């Protein structure tokens, strides 16, 4: 019989950020710059997601890095020279912003030595996460919402005491790009997951796609350790969750908010335009520029 987690710390305190990928869809820009550090207006993509985690009440961020990703660590670290320069120039507002970045939450880092998939990246955090439920946030997915998407999910977790996946309806001709769930609706925006299929080539079980936000119970690590690599040699998180679902109920939540796939060039551009139009300091000038374009 499937159950919920028992005898485990129930408060979600930790969040895992897989950031070891090569960002091949943005080459050559990502040859020397991690894709997570690509700017959305004036902040790197990963900072938006870290801020979402903080606003959701998470206390510790575990970032999984790889070769050439030191810029991420540098960004969230203290920069004494820059702060001193800003102080000398009297740039108080900018100084406060820079100091705030390094004090957002507590950061920990671990390395994924080989790019063996999202599941393997999460498995690398096993010792840092410990025996407690945790969040996973993917920096490719930027979600603009009144209530942070992860905070919405934590509310669902608090009610059902088991793993929760963020989902969103996608056009049927795009289901092959996502993990897709077969599900039974049990409450407004809430589903019990009956099955999961990673990037179905045909006959998807629904058009509900898994988006880059997860709340997982610690038993996922056992599932990851027994999940077979796919044909490309990668351990897929979707496959591990499917294995986990044999013993534990999995839920899905259709979050409220606008999601941008910033790992895609078009999605990245859409996010920049949308966020720029919401920024009081540049909105009018940018809107005027867009109106002047002869498209």
Protein backbone atom coordinates (compact mmCIF):
# COMPACT_ATOMS: atom_id res chain seq x y z
CA UNK A 1 0.00 0.00 0.00
CA UNK A 2 1.27 3.44 -0.91
CA UNK A 3 1.89 5.76 1.99
CA UNK A 4 3.15 9.14 3.04
CA UNK A 5 6.43 9.92 4.74
CA UNK A 6 6.67 8.85 8.37
CA UNK A 7 9.17 9.80 11.03
CA UNK A 8 10.82 12.49 8.90
CA UNK A 9 11.32 16.20 9.55
CA UNK A 10 8.40 17.73 7.72
CA UNK A 11 9.48 21.36 7.32
CA UNK A 12 11.04 22.09 3.95
CA UNK A 13 14.30 23.87 4.73
CA UNK A 14 16.67 22.98 1.89
CA UNK A 15 16.62 23.55 -1.84
CA UNK A 16 18.75 21.88 -4.49
CA UNK A 17 19.77 23.86 -7.58
CA UNK A 18 21.26 21.65 -10.33
CA UNK A 19 23.62 23.93 -12.27
CA UNK A 20 26.22 21.62 -13.80
CA UNK A 21 24.95 21.54 -17.39
CA UNK A 22 26.91 22.93 -20.32
CA UNK A 23 24.17 25.21 -21.66
CA UNK A 24 24.72 24.05 -25.22
CA UNK A 25 21.57 25.79 -26.50
CA UNK A 26 23.21 29.15 -25.78
CA UNK A 27 26.63 28.53 -27.28
CA UNK A 28 28.90 30.36 -27.91
CA UNK A 29 27.70 32.70 -25.11
CA UNK A 30 27.93 29.87 -22.57
CA UNK A 31 31.43 28.74 -23.59
CA UNK A 32 32.90 30.79 -20.75
CA UNK A 33 29.77 31.96 -18.88
CA UNK A 34 27.42 29.52 -17.10
CA UNK A 35 23.94 29.67 -18.60
CA UNK A 36 22.61 30.26 -15.08
CA UNK A 37 24.52 33.57 -15.12
CA UNK A 38 22.92 34.88 -18.30
CA UNK A 39 21.23 38.20 -17.41
CA UNK A 40 17.50 38.66 -17.21
CA UNK A 41 17.55 42.47 -17.38
CA UNK A 42 20.25 43.12 -14.75
CA UNK A 43 20.22 39.97 -12.61
CA UNK A 44 21.44 36.47 -13.55
CA UNK A 45 18.77 33.85 -14.09
CA UNK A 46 19.79 31.84 -11.05
CA UNK A 47 19.30 34.83 -8.72
CA UNK A 48 15.60 35.05 -9.61
CA UNK A 49 15.15 31.42 -8.63
CA UNK A 50 17.21 31.81 -5.43
CA UNK A 51 15.03 34.78 -4.49
CA UNK A 52 11.94 32.63 -5.11
CA UNK A 53 13.35 30.03 -2.74
CA UNK A 54 14.02 32.62 -0.04
CA UNK A 55 10.56 34.15 -0.40
CA UNK A 56 9.15 30.64 -0.02
CA UNK A 57 10.81 30.24 3.39
CA UNK A 58 13.73 28.01 2.36
CA UNK A 59 16.84 28.46 4.47
CA UNK A 60 19.66 26.63 2.69
CA UNK A 61 20.55 26.47 -1.00
CA UNK A 62 22.63 23.54 -2.27
CA UNK A 63 24.00 24.32 -5.72
CA UNK A 64 25.30 21.44 -7.83
CA UNK A 65 28.07 22.82 -10.03
CA UNK A 66 30.44 21.45 -12.64
CA UNK A 67 33.52 22.51 -14.52
CA UNK A 68 33.60 26.21 -15.35
CA UNK A 69 30.85 27.20 -12.92
CA UNK A 70 32.89 29.21 -10.39
CA UNK A 71 31.12 32.40 -11.51
CA UNK A 72 27.99 31.17 -9.69
CA UNK A 73 29.89 30.83 -6.41
CA UNK A 74 31.56 34.21 -6.94
CA UNK A 75 28.21 35.89 -7.58
CA UNK A 76 26.74 34.81 -4.25
CA UNK A 77 29.98 35.43 -2.33
CA UNK A 78 31.11 38.67 -0.69
CA UNK A 79 33.12 41.00 -2.95
CA UNK A 80 35.20 43.18 -0.63
CA UNK A 81 36.92 45.15 -3.41
CA UNK A 82 33.67 45.98 -5.22
CA UNK A 83 31.89 46.92 -1.99
CA UNK A 84 34.78 49.19 -0.97
CA UNK A 85 34.74 50.88 -4.38
CA UNK A 86 30.98 51.48 -4.23
CA UNK A 87 31.31 52.87 -0.69
CA UNK A 88 34.07 55.26 -1.79
CA UNK A 89 31.95 56.47 -4.72
CA UNK A 90 28.93 57.02 -2.48
CA UNK A 91 26.80 54.54 -4.45
CA UNK A 92 24.77 53.52 -1.41
CA UNK A 93 21.80 51.95 -3.21
CA UNK A 94 24.02 49.80 -5.43
CA UNK A 95 26.15 48.83 -2.43
CA UNK A 96 23.06 47.69 -0.51
CA UNK A 97 21.95 45.61 -3.50
CA UNK A 98 25.37 43.92 -3.80
CA UNK A 99 25.58 43.21 -0.06
CA UNK A 100 22.08 41.73 -0.11
CA UNK A 101 23.06 39.15 -2.75
CA UNK A 102 25.64 37.50 -0.50
CA UNK A 103 23.27 37.45 2.48
CA UNK A 104 20.17 36.00 0.77
CA UNK A 105 20.42 32.54 2.36
CA UNK A 106 23.07 30.03 3.39
CA UNK A 107 24.79 28.47 0.38
CA UNK A 108 26.49 25.09 0.06
CA UNK A 109 28.11 23.67 -3.07
CA UNK A 110 28.84 20.22 -4.41
CA UNK A 111 30.27 18.99 -7.73
CA UNK A 112 28.75 16.72 -10.36
CA UNK A 113 31.95 15.33 -11.85
CA UNK A 114 30.37 14.04 -15.06
CA UNK A 115 27.19 15.28 -16.83
CA UNK A 116 25.08 12.19 -16.15
CA UNK A 117 21.65 13.80 -16.00
CA UNK A 118 19.36 15.65 -13.62
CA UNK A 119 18.80 12.57 -11.47
CA UNK A 120 22.53 12.11 -10.94
CA UNK A 121 22.93 15.81 -10.08
CA UNK A 122 20.34 15.48 -7.32
CA UNK A 123 21.94 12.26 -6.10
CA UNK A 124 25.17 14.22 -5.58
CA UNK A 125 23.41 16.15 -2.79
CA UNK A 126 22.38 13.11 -0.75
CA UNK A 127 24.77 13.74 2.14
CA UNK A 128 24.04 17.47 2.24
CA UNK A 129 20.26 17.04 2.19
CA UNK A 130 20.16 14.26 4.73
CA UNK A 131 16.95 12.52 5.76
CA UNK A 132 14.48 15.32 5.21
CA UNK A 133 12.20 16.45 2.42
CA UNK A 134 13.65 19.09 0.11
CA UNK A 135 12.93 21.31 -2.86
CA UNK A 136 14.47 21.20 -6.32
CA UNK A 137 14.41 24.32 -8.47
CA UNK A 138 15.69 24.49 -12.04
CA UNK A 139 17.16 27.81 -13.10
CA UNK A 140 15.87 27.42 -16.66
CA UNK A 141 12.29 27.94 -15.50
CA UNK A 142 11.50 31.48 -14.45
CA UNK A 143 8.03 31.76 -12.93
CA UNK A 144 6.51 35.20 -12.48
CA UNK A 145 3.72 34.97 -9.92
CA UNK A 146 2.10 36.98 -7.15
CA UNK A 147 2.77 34.17 -4.65
CA UNK A 148 6.12 32.45 -5.33
CA UNK A 149 5.54 29.16 -7.14
CA UNK A 150 7.56 27.19 -4.60
CA UNK A 151 5.59 28.71 -1.74
CA UNK A 152 2.39 27.56 -3.45
CA UNK A 153 3.82 24.04 -3.67
CA UNK A 154 4.92 23.98 -0.04
CA UNK A 155 1.31 24.65 0.95
CA UNK A 156 0.29 21.55 -1.02
CA UNK A 157 3.09 19.51 0.58
CA UNK A 158 1.97 20.61 4.03
CA UNK A 159 -1.49 19.26 3.24
CA UNK A 160 -0.56 15.92 1.67
CA UNK A 161 2.82 15.16 3.31
CA UNK A 162 4.36 13.65 0.21
CA UNK A 163 6.23 14.57 -2.97
CA UNK A 164 4.77 17.33 -5.14
CA UNK A 165 5.61 18.11 -8.77
CA UNK A 166 4.89 21.41 -10.47
CA UNK A 167 2.92 20.91 -13.68
CA UNK A 168 1.56 23.06 -16.46
CA UNK A 169 -0.62 22.35 -19.48
CA UNK A 170 1.35 22.41 -22.73
CA UNK A 171 0.22 22.04 -26.36
CA UNK A 172 0.06 18.40 -27.45
CA UNK A 173 2.71 19.00 -30.10
CA UNK A 174 5.15 19.94 -27.30
CA UNK A 175 4.56 16.99 -24.95
CA UNK A 176 7.61 15.20 -26.38
CA UNK A 177 9.79 17.89 -24.80
CA UNK A 178 8.72 17.21 -21.20
CA UNK A 179 8.07 14.61 -18.57
CA UNK A 180 4.31 14.05 -18.78
CA UNK A 181 2.04 12.76 -16.02
CA UNK A 182 -1.04 10.58 -16.04
CA UNK A 183 -3.12 11.89 -13.19
CA UNK A 184 -6.40 12.00 -11.32
CA UNK A 185 -7.65 15.42 -10.23
CA UNK A 186 -8.40 15.41 -6.50
CA UNK A 187 -8.77 19.14 -5.75
CA UNK A 188 -8.56 22.45 -7.60
CA UNK A 189 -5.14 22.46 -9.32
CA UNK A 190 -4.09 19.32 -7.42
CA UNK A 191 -3.65 15.85 -8.94
CA UNK A 192 -2.63 12.42 -7.74
CA UNK A 193 0.01 11.14 -10.14
CA UNK A 194 -0.80 7.69 -11.53
CA UNK A 195 2.10 7.42 -13.98
CA UNK A 196 4.97 9.43 -15.49
CA UNK A 197 6.50 9.27 -18.93
CA UNK A 198 9.75 11.03 -19.85
CA UNK A 199 9.42 12.83 -23.21
CA UNK A 200 6.82 10.53 -24.82
CA UNK A 201 7.31 10.23 -28.58
CA UNK A 202 3.65 9.40 -29.11
CA UNK A 203 0.39 8.89 -27.21
CA UNK A 204 1.16 11.11 -24.19
CA UNK A 205 -1.01 10.24 -21.17
CA UNK A 206 -2.05 13.92 -20.83
CA UNK A 207 -0.85 17.40 -21.67
CA UNK A 208 0.27 18.09 -18.08
CA UNK A 209 4.02 18.65 -18.24
CA UNK A 210 6.41 18.58 -15.30
CA UNK A 211 8.02 22.02 -14.86
CA UNK A 212 11.25 22.75 -13.01
CA UNK A 213 9.97 22.76 -9.43
CA UNK A 214 9.83 19.67 -7.20
CA UNK A 215 9.27 18.85 -3.55
CA UNK A 216 10.74 15.44 -2.84
CA UNK A 217 10.86 13.12 0.12
CA UNK A 218 14.31 11.72 1.06
CA UNK A 219 13.34 8.25 -0.21
CA UNK A 220 13.99 9.67 -3.69
CA UNK A 221 17.70 9.02 -3.12
CA UNK A 222 17.11 5.27 -2.82
CA UNK A 223 15.08 5.43 -6.03
CA UNK A 224 17.83 7.37 -7.81
CA UNK A 225 20.45 4.83 -6.73
CA UNK A 226 18.43 2.01 -8.31
CA UNK A 227 17.34 3.88 -11.45
CA UNK A 228 18.96 2.60 -14.62
CA UNK A 229 20.64 5.15 -16.90
CA UNK A 230 18.85 5.85 -20.17
CA UNK A 231 20.29 5.21 -23.62
CA UNK A 232 22.36 8.37 -23.34
CA UNK A 233 23.88 7.22 -20.05
CA UNK A 234 21.90 9.74 -17.97
CA UNK A 235 19.86 9.10 -14.84
CA UNK A 236 16.47 10.73 -15.38
CA UNK A 237 14.69 12.20 -12.37
CA UNK A 238 11.33 11.34 -13.93
CA UNK A 239 12.29 7.65 -14.00
CA UNK A 240 13.30 7.78 -10.33
CA UNK A 241 10.04 9.48 -9.35
CA UNK A 242 8.15 6.79 -11.23
CA UNK A 243 10.03 4.18 -9.18
CA UNK A 244 9.30 6.11 -5.99
CA UNK A 245 5.58 6.18 -6.85
CA UNK A 246 5.37 2.41 -6.42
CA UNK A 247 5.69 2.89 -2.65
CA UNK A 248 4.72 6.50 -2.01
CA UNK A 249 1.97 8.73 -3.36
CA UNK A 250 3.09 11.47 -5.71
CA UNK A 251 1.07 14.64 -6.19
CA UNK A 252 1.15 17.31 -8.87
CA UNK A 253 0.20 20.95 -8.56
CA UNK A 254 -0.77 23.22 -11.44
CA UNK A 255 0.86 26.39 -10.17
CA UNK A 256 -0.46 29.91 -10.66
CA UNK A 257 1.84 32.24 -12.58
CA UNK A 258 3.52 32.90 -15.92
CA UNK A 259 6.35 30.53 -16.71
CA UNK A 260 9.20 31.33 -19.08
CA UNK A 261 11.53 28.65 -20.43
CA UNK A 262 14.71 30.68 -20.14
CA UNK A 263 16.75 27.68 -21.28
CA UNK A 264 15.32 28.29 -24.74
CA UNK A 265 16.41 31.32 -26.80
CA UNK A 266 12.87 32.42 -27.61
CA UNK A 267 11.72 31.87 -24.02
CA UNK A 268 14.73 33.81 -22.74
CA UNK A 269 13.88 36.76 -25.00
CA UNK A 270 10.21 36.65 -23.96
CA UNK A 271 11.23 36.75 -20.30
CA UNK A 272 13.45 39.78 -20.86
CA UNK A 273 10.73 41.68 -22.70
CA UNK A 274 8.05 40.81 -20.14
CA UNK A 275 10.20 41.67 -17.12
CA UNK A 276 11.44 44.89 -18.75
CA UNK A 277 7.85 46.06 -19.27
CA UNK A 278 7.23 45.61 -15.54
CA UNK A 279 10.29 47.58 -14.42
CA UNK A 280 9.31 51.16 -13.42
CA UNK A 281 12.81 52.49 -14.20
CA UNK A 282 12.88 51.34 -17.84
CA UNK A 283 9.28 50.51 -18.73
CA UNK A 284 8.34 53.75 -20.49
CA UNK A 285 11.50 54.02 -22.56
CA UNK A 286 11.38 50.36 -23.54
CA UNK A 287 7.68 50.51 -24.38
CA UNK A 288 8.33 53.55 -26.60
CA UNK A 289 11.10 51.68 -28.37
CA UNK A 290 8.86 48.67 -29.01
CA UNK A 291 6.11 50.90 -30.39
CA UNK A 292 8.59 52.51 -32.77
CA UNK A 293 9.68 49.19 -34.24
CA UNK A 294 8.23 48.55 -37.67
CA UNK A 295 7.35 44.88 -37.28
